[in-house]
Amino acid sequence: MAQTQLRAYVFLDSLQPQLAAHICTTCRGYFPVPYVASLFVEIAPGMAIHQVIDTALKSTAVHPATLVVERAFGMLEVHHEDKGEVRSAGDAILKHLGAKEEDRVKPKVISNTIIRAIEPMHAMILDKIRFGQMIEPGESLFILETEPAAYAALAANEAEKAANVKLVDVTPYGAYGRLYLGGKESEIDSAAEAAVAAIKALSGKETPSKEK
């Protein structure tokens, strides 16, 4: 049996209000409130995430919000108002995996786009499929794709800390993570800078390029 790979490991010391609300809208577990500590872990193969959550829950008092098993990867979010509990859960998970935090895959920014003065029909389509706030015609739209996917949550959290923007949607699982932010042009520029910087600042192991 192949060894479980640690793809993403990111500790958020203070879950921002919009990201917390988005998790509440989309999760099937225990809702987080703003400013709790949060941990996102992504592994491969996907089904092994059940052993990961079992380890975290048996070792600590953390609350799981999201557990996703898809074709290739599994993702888990846990949180608690006590940062020490979340840190301890992370330590237990790493011990279970036989890994260190620096063994995670170093994240990549796959795409990074700002659309200025979004058109009304484009805004309408996004508003129909989003789980966060609505974007209005004329606002700017920032779109970010990350690999591994779970780091989209880090990008969303840091962007919300840095600027007054709307979290339109974020998907921190799957082949790629995706983040959509809306707002005034200057605020979107600041949020985009913070999101990209947060991803690029993380350490981890480089993965071979998929290009032939």
C-alpha atoms as a PDB file:
ATOM      1  CA  MET A   1       0.000   0.000   0.000  1.00  0.00           C
ATOM      2  CA  ALA A   2       1.379   3.384  -0.976  1.00  0.00           C
ATOM      3  CA  GLN A   3       2.349   5.771   1.813  1.00  0.00           C
ATOM      4  CA  THR A   4      -0.048   8.625   2.491  1.00  0.00           C
ATOM      5  CA  GLN A   5       1.221  11.891   1.028  1.00  0.00           C
ATOM      6  CA  LEU A   6       0.841  15.155   2.919  1.00  0.00           C
ATOM      7  CA  ARG A   7      -0.254  17.589   0.219  1.00  0.00           C
ATOM      8  CA  ALA A   8      -1.377  20.616   2.203  1.00  0.00           C
ATOM      9  CA  TYR A   9      -0.988  21.638   5.832  1.00  0.00           C
ATOM     10  CA  VAL A  10      -1.973  25.147   6.817  1.00  0.00           C
ATOM     11  CA  PHE A  11      -2.689  26.569  10.255  1.00  0.00           C
ATOM     12  CA  LEU A  12      -4.849  29.710  10.451  1.00  0.00           C
ATOM     13  CA  ASP A  13      -4.472  31.464  13.795  1.00  0.00           C
ATOM     14  CA  SER A  14      -7.608  33.577  13.313  1.00  0.00           C
ATOM     15  CA  LEU A  15     -10.377  32.499  10.959  1.00  0.00           C
ATOM     16  CA  GLN A  16     -11.758  35.659   9.383  1.00  0.00           C
ATOM     17  CA  PRO A  17     -15.521  36.349   9.535  1.00  0.00           C
ATOM     18  CA  GLN A  18     -16.370  35.860   5.854  1.00  0.00           C
ATOM     19  CA  LEU A  19     -14.333  32.671   5.542  1.00  0.00           C
ATOM     20  CA  ALA A  20     -15.925  31.333   8.739  1.00  0.00           C
ATOM     21  CA  ALA A  21     -19.373  32.141   7.331  1.00  0.00           C
ATOM     22  CA  HIS A  22     -18.534  30.477   4.017  1.00  0.00           C
ATOM     23  CA  ILE A  23     -17.449  27.311   5.812  1.00  0.00           C
ATOM     24  CA  CYS A  24     -20.744  27.342   7.737  1.00  0.00           C
ATOM     25  CA  THR A  25     -22.666  27.648   4.460  1.00  0.00           C
ATOM     26  CA  THR A  26     -20.930  24.720   2.792  1.00  0.00           C
ATOM     27  CA  CYS A  27     -19.871  22.324   5.561  1.00  0.00           C
ATOM     28  CA  ARG A  28     -21.777  19.364   7.002  1.00  0.00           C
ATOM     29  CA  GLY A  29     -19.908  19.269  10.286  1.00  0.00           C
ATOM     30  CA  TYR A  30     -19.494  21.592  13.234  1.00  0.00           C
ATOM     31  CA  PHE A  31     -19.748  25.309  12.410  1.00  0.00           C
ATOM     32  CA  PRO A  32     -16.808  27.578  13.247  1.00  0.00           C
ATOM     33  CA  VAL A  33     -17.277  31.117  14.542  1.00  0.00           C
ATOM     34  CA  PRO A  34     -15.037  34.046  13.568  1.00  0.00           C
ATOM     35  CA  TYR A  35     -11.518  34.270  14.966  1.00  0.00           C
ATOM     36  CA  VAL A  36     -11.130  30.651  16.084  1.00  0.00           C
ATOM     37  CA  ALA A  37      -7.963  28.807  15.087  1.00  0.00           C
ATOM     38  CA  SER A  38      -8.307  26.485  12.109  1.00  0.00           C
ATOM     39  CA  LEU A  39      -6.278  23.770  10.416  1.00  0.00           C
ATOM     40  CA  PHE A  40      -6.662  22.555   6.821  1.00  0.00           C
ATOM     41  CA  VAL A  41      -5.020  19.258   5.863  1.00  0.00           C
ATOM     42  CA  GLU A  42      -5.053  17.666   2.411  1.00  0.00           C
ATOM     43  CA  ILE A  43      -3.670  14.199   1.721  1.00  0.00           C
ATOM     44  CA  ALA A  44      -3.480  11.526  -0.948  1.00  0.00           C
ATOM     45  CA  PRO A  45      -5.003   9.006  -1.379  1.00  0.00           C
ATOM     46  CA  GLY A  46      -8.375  10.505  -0.533  1.00  0.00           C
ATOM     47  CA  MET A  47      -9.849   7.719   1.600  1.00  0.00           C
ATOM     48  CA  ALA A  48      -6.957   7.967   4.063  1.00  0.00           C
ATOM     49  CA  ILE A  49      -8.488  11.223   5.349  1.00  0.00           C
ATOM     50  CA  HIS A  50     -10.772   9.120   7.572  1.00  0.00           C
ATOM     51  CA  GLN A  51      -7.746   7.895   9.519  1.00  0.00           C
ATOM     52  CA  VAL A  52      -6.550  11.479   9.755  1.00  0.00           C
ATOM     53  CA  ILE A  53      -9.803  12.761  11.271  1.00  0.00           C
ATOM     54  CA  ASP A  54      -9.920   9.778  13.615  1.00  0.00           C
ATOM     55  CA  THR A  55      -6.446  10.648  14.891  1.00  0.00           C
ATOM     56  CA  ALA A  56      -7.309  14.319  15.424  1.00  0.00           C
ATOM     57  CA  LEU A  57     -10.555  13.608  17.287  1.00  0.00           C
ATOM     58  CA  LYS A  58      -9.095  10.914  19.525  1.00  0.00           C
ATOM     59  CA  SER A  59      -6.111  13.096  20.434  1.00  0.00           C
ATOM     60  CA  THR A  60      -7.695  16.534  20.977  1.00  0.00           C
ATOM     61  CA  ALA A  61     -10.932  18.485  21.490  1.00  0.00           C
ATOM     62  CA  VAL A  62     -11.022  20.055  18.007  1.00  0.00           C
ATOM     63  CA  HIS A  63     -14.273  20.314  16.026  1.00  0.00           C
ATOM     64  CA  PRO A  64     -14.366  19.149  12.388  1.00  0.00           C
ATOM     65  CA  ALA A  65     -16.279  21.310   9.923  1.00  0.00           C
ATOM     66  CA  THR A  66     -15.379  19.820   6.560  1.00  0.00           C
ATOM     67  CA  LEU A  67     -14.410  16.329   5.463  1.00  0.00           C
ATOM     68  CA  VAL A  68     -14.099  15.801   1.716  1.00  0.00           C
ATOM     69  CA  VAL A  69     -13.150  12.610  -0.088  1.00  0.00           C
ATOM     70  CA  GLU A  70     -12.889  12.949  -3.841  1.00  0.00           C
ATOM     71  CA  ARG A  71     -11.237  10.880  -6.545  1.00  0.00           C
ATOM     72  CA  ALA A  72      -7.588  11.542  -5.743  1.00  0.00           C
ATOM     73  CA  PHE A  73      -7.378  13.632  -2.572  1.00  0.00           C
ATOM     74  CA  GLY A  74      -8.948  14.020   0.852  1.00  0.00           C
ATOM     75  CA  MET A  75      -9.318  17.288   2.780  1.00  0.00           C
ATOM     76  CA  LEU A  76     -10.102  17.990   6.427  1.00  0.00           C
ATOM     77  CA  GLU A  77     -10.763  21.221   8.337  1.00  0.00           C
ATOM     78  CA  VAL A  78     -10.760  21.290  12.145  1.00  0.00           C
ATOM     79  CA  HIS A  79     -11.041  24.273  14.481  1.00  0.00           C
ATOM     80  CA  HIS A  80     -11.174  25.305  18.125  1.00  0.00           C
ATOM     81  CA  GLU A  81     -11.149  28.537  20.119  1.00  0.00           C
ATOM     82  CA  ASP A  82      -7.974  27.281  21.844  1.00  0.00           C
ATOM     83  CA  LYS A  83      -5.081  27.566  19.402  1.00  0.00           C
ATOM     84  CA  GLY A  84      -3.187  24.977  21.417  1.00  0.00           C
ATOM     85  CA  GLU A  85      -5.836  22.337  20.697  1.00  0.00           C
ATOM     86  CA  VAL A  86      -5.549  22.970  16.969  1.00  0.00           C
ATOM     87  CA  ARG A  87      -1.756  22.875  17.102  1.00  0.00           C
ATOM     88  CA  SER A  88      -1.942  19.601  19.043  1.00  0.00           C
ATOM     89  CA  ALA A  89      -4.316  18.140  16.467  1.00  0.00           C
ATOM     90  CA  GLY A  90      -1.846  19.075  13.762  1.00  0.00           C
ATOM     91  CA  ASP A  91       1.014  17.460  15.657  1.00  0.00           C
ATOM     92  CA  ALA A  92      -1.012  14.269  16.100  1.00  0.00           C
ATOM     93  CA  ILE A  93      -1.870  14.180  12.401  1.00  0.00           C
ATOM     94  CA  LEU A  94       1.744  14.687  11.374  1.00  0.00           C
ATOM     95  CA  LYS A  95       2.862  11.929  13.746  1.00  0.00           C
ATOM     96  CA  HIS A  96       0.221   9.608  12.310  1.00  0.00           C
ATOM     97  CA  LEU A  97       1.437  10.358   8.784  1.00  0.00           C
ATOM     98  CA  GLY A  98       5.094  10.040   9.758  1.00  0.00           C
ATOM     99  CA  ALA A  99       5.649  13.497   8.315  1.00  0.00           C
ATOM    100  CA  LYS A 100       6.780  16.996   9.242  1.00  0.00           C
ATOM    101  CA  GLU A 101       5.071  20.245   8.301  1.00  0.00           C
ATOM    102  CA  GLU A 102       7.812  20.979   5.774  1.00  0.00           C
ATOM    103  CA  ASP A 103       6.991  17.698   3.976  1.00  0.00           C
ATOM    104  CA  ARG A 104       3.821  19.271   2.571  1.00  0.00           C
ATOM    105  CA  VAL A 105       3.743  20.089  -1.138  1.00  0.00           C
ATOM    106  CA  LYS A 106       4.922  23.620  -1.798  1.00  0.00           C
ATOM    107  CA  PRO A 107       1.881  25.444  -3.186  1.00  0.00           C
ATOM    108  CA  LYS A 108       1.776  26.925  -6.653  1.00  0.00           C
ATOM    109  CA  VAL A 109      -0.289  29.777  -8.024  1.00  0.00           C
ATOM    110  CA  ILE A 110      -1.827  28.205 -11.123  1.00  0.00           C
ATOM    111  CA  SER A 111      -3.694  31.298 -12.273  1.00  0.00           C
ATOM    112  CA  ASN A 112      -4.062  34.828 -10.964  1.00  0.00           C
ATOM    113  CA  THR A 113      -6.516  37.162 -12.689  1.00  0.00           C
ATOM    114  CA  ILE A 114      -8.201  40.496 -12.003  1.00  0.00           C
ATOM    115  CA  ILE A 115     -11.173  41.539 -14.119  1.00  0.00           C
ATOM    116  CA  ARG A 116     -11.964  45.237 -13.835  1.00  0.00           C
ATOM    117  CA  ALA A 117     -15.521  46.594 -13.920  1.00  0.00           C
ATOM    118  CA  ILE A 118     -17.268  43.260 -14.266  1.00  0.00           C
ATOM    119  CA  GLU A 119     -20.158  43.160 -16.709  1.00  0.00           C
ATOM    120  CA  PRO A 120     -23.727  42.751 -15.366  1.00  0.00           C
ATOM    121  CA  MET A 121     -24.356  39.369 -17.008  1.00  0.00           C
ATOM    122  CA  HIS A 122     -21.003  38.037 -15.787  1.00  0.00           C
ATOM    123  CA  ALA A 123     -21.872  39.179 -12.258  1.00  0.00           C
ATOM    124  CA  MET A 124     -25.270  37.463 -12.553  1.00  0.00           C
ATOM    125  CA  ILE A 125     -23.715  34.123 -13.485  1.00  0.00           C
ATOM    126  CA  LEU A 126     -21.272  34.259 -10.568  1.00  0.00           C
ATOM    127  CA  ASP A 127     -24.008  35.249  -8.129  1.00  0.00           C
ATOM    128  CA  LYS A 128     -26.074  32.218  -9.162  1.00  0.00           C
ATOM    129  CA  ILE A 129     -23.293  29.746  -8.339  1.00  0.00           C
ATOM    130  CA  ARG A 130     -21.556  31.377  -5.367  1.00  0.00           C
ATOM    131  CA  PHE A 131     -21.832  30.381  -1.696  1.00  0.00           C
ATOM    132  CA  GLY A 132     -20.479  33.676  -0.358  1.00  0.00           C
ATOM    133  CA  GLN A 133     -21.353  37.302  -0.963  1.00  0.00           C
ATOM    134  CA  MET A 134     -22.758  38.635  -4.220  1.00  0.00           C
ATOM    135  CA  ILE A 135     -20.596  40.617  -6.602  1.00  0.00           C
ATOM    136  CA  GLU A 136     -22.206  43.684  -8.180  1.00  0.00           C
ATOM    137  CA  PRO A 137     -21.809  44.934 -11.763  1.00  0.00           C
ATOM    138  CA  GLY A 138     -18.954  47.398 -12.056  1.00  0.00           C
ATOM    139  CA  GLU A 139     -16.933  45.911  -9.217  1.00  0.00           C
ATOM    140  CA  SER A 140     -13.577  44.235  -9.761  1.00  0.00           C
ATOM    141  CA  LEU A 141     -13.214  40.449  -9.603  1.00  0.00           C
ATOM    142  CA  PHE A 142     -10.102  38.595  -8.442  1.00  0.00           C
ATOM    143  CA  ILE A 143      -9.734  34.910  -9.331  1.00  0.00           C
ATOM    144  CA  LEU A 144      -6.966  32.708  -7.933  1.00  0.00           C
ATOM    145  CA  GLU A 145      -6.216  29.038  -8.549  1.00  0.00           C
ATOM    146  CA  THR A 146      -3.861  27.092  -6.289  1.00  0.00           C
ATOM    147  CA  GLU A 147      -2.322  23.647  -6.226  1.00  0.00           C
ATOM    148  CA  PRO A 148      -2.761  21.854  -3.834  1.00  0.00           C
ATOM    149  CA  ALA A 149      -6.342  22.988  -3.412  1.00  0.00           C
ATOM    150  CA  ALA A 150      -6.527  23.501   0.369  1.00  0.00           C
ATOM    151  CA  TYR A 151      -4.249  26.527   0.197  1.00  0.00           C
ATOM    152  CA  ALA A 152      -7.106  28.504  -1.333  1.00  0.00           C
ATOM    153  CA  ALA A 153      -8.380  28.815   2.255  1.00  0.00           C
ATOM    154  CA  LEU A 154      -5.125  30.477   3.314  1.00  0.00           C
ATOM    155  CA  ALA A 155      -5.346  32.875   0.378  1.00  0.00           C
ATOM    156  CA  ALA A 156      -8.935  33.762   1.278  1.00  0.00           C
ATOM    157  CA  ASN A 157      -8.102  34.340   4.943  1.00  0.00           C
ATOM    158  CA  GLU A 158      -5.101  36.562   4.256  1.00  0.00           C
ATOM    159  CA  ALA A 159      -6.945  38.543   1.593  1.00  0.00           C
ATOM    160  CA  GLU A 160      -9.786  39.222   4.022  1.00  0.00           C
ATOM    161  CA  LYS A 161      -7.295  40.407   6.639  1.00  0.00           C
ATOM    162  CA  ALA A 162      -5.645  42.775   4.175  1.00  0.00           C
ATOM    163  CA  ALA A 163      -8.570  44.478   2.444  1.00  0.00           C
ATOM    164  CA  ASN A 164     -12.261  45.315   2.536  1.00  0.00           C
ATOM    165  CA  VAL A 165     -13.443  42.823  -0.073  1.00  0.00           C
ATOM    166  CA  LYS A 166     -16.304  40.376  -0.583  1.00  0.00           C
ATOM    167  CA  LEU A 167     -15.607  36.665  -0.394  1.00  0.00           C
ATOM    168  CA  VAL A 168     -17.705  35.495  -3.334  1.00  0.00           C
ATOM    169  CA  ASP A 169     -16.620  31.858  -3.246  1.00  0.00           C
ATOM    170  CA  VAL A 170     -13.750  29.566  -2.281  1.00  0.00           C
ATOM    171  CA  THR A 171     -13.213  25.877  -3.042  1.00  0.00           C
ATOM    172  CA  PRO A 172     -10.359  24.380  -0.989  1.00  0.00           C
ATOM    173  CA  TYR A 173     -10.543  20.811  -2.324  1.00  0.00           C
ATOM    174  CA  GLY A 174     -10.198  18.953  -5.613  1.00  0.00           C
ATOM    175  CA  ALA A 175      -7.479  19.114  -8.243  1.00  0.00           C
ATOM    176  CA  TYR A 176      -7.152  22.896  -7.828  1.00  0.00           C
ATOM    177  CA  GLY A 177      -8.310  25.322  -5.173  1.00  0.00           C
ATOM    178  CA  ARG A 178     -10.251  28.352  -6.398  1.00  0.00           C
ATOM    179  CA  LEU A 179     -10.887  31.734  -4.816  1.00  0.00           C
ATOM    180  CA  TYR A 180     -13.218  34.491  -6.051  1.00  0.00           C
ATOM    181  CA  LEU A 181     -13.181  37.944  -4.456  1.00  0.00           C
ATOM    182  CA  GLY A 182     -15.184  41.039  -5.390  1.00  0.00           C
ATOM    183  CA  GLY A 183     -14.987  44.688  -4.454  1.00  0.00           C
ATOM    184  CA  LYS A 184     -13.601  48.095  -5.273  1.00  0.00           C
ATOM    185  CA  GLU A 185     -10.614  48.134  -7.584  1.00  0.00           C
ATOM    186  CA  SER A 186      -8.099  49.395  -5.021  1.00  0.00           C
ATOM    187  CA  GLU A 187      -9.286  46.926  -2.379  1.00  0.00           C
ATOM    188  CA  ILE A 188      -9.130  44.029  -4.832  1.00  0.00           C
ATOM    189  CA  ASP A 189      -5.559  44.987  -5.754  1.00  0.00           C
ATOM    190  CA  SER A 190      -4.570  44.886  -2.072  1.00  0.00           C
ATOM    191  CA  ALA A 191      -6.403  41.603  -1.475  1.00  0.00           C
ATOM    192  CA  ALA A 192      -4.820  39.971  -4.532  1.00  0.00           C
ATOM    193  CA  GLU A 193      -1.345  41.016  -3.422  1.00  0.00           C
ATOM    194  CA  ALA A 194      -1.902  39.558   0.054  1.00  0.00           C
ATOM    195  CA  ALA A 195      -3.377  36.311  -1.270  1.00  0.00           C
ATOM    196  CA  VAL A 196      -0.562  35.640  -3.728  1.00  0.00           C
ATOM    197  CA  ALA A 197       2.107  36.608  -1.195  1.00  0.00           C
ATOM    198  CA  ALA A 198       0.664  34.198   1.369  1.00  0.00           C
ATOM    199  CA  ILE A 199       0.822  31.309  -1.083  1.00  0.00           C
ATOM    200  CA  LYS A 200       4.338  32.113  -2.281  1.00  0.00           C
ATOM    201  CA  ALA A 201       5.668  32.494   1.265  1.00  0.00           C
ATOM    202  CA  LEU A 202       4.891  28.907   2.289  1.00  0.00           C
ATOM    203  CA  SER A 203       7.654  26.332   2.423  1.00  0.00           C
ATOM    204  CA  GLY A 204       7.296  22.770   1.234  1.00  0.00           C
ATOM    205  CA  LYS A 205       8.574  20.177  -1.180  1.00  0.00           C
ATOM    206  CA  GLU A 206       8.679  21.009  -4.855  1.00  0.00           C
ATOM    207  CA  THR A 207       6.781  18.670  -7.166  1.00  0.00           C
ATOM    208  CA  PRO A 208       7.866  17.784 -10.710  1.00  0.00           C
ATOM    209  CA  SER A 209       6.224  19.733 -13.496  1.00  0.00           C
ATOM    210  CA  LYS A 210       3.311  17.974 -15.229  1.00  0.00           C
ATOM    211  CA  GLU A 211       4.417  19.335 -18.576  1.00  0.00           C
ATOM    212  CA  LYS A 212       6.117  16.876 -20.926  1.00  0.00           C
END
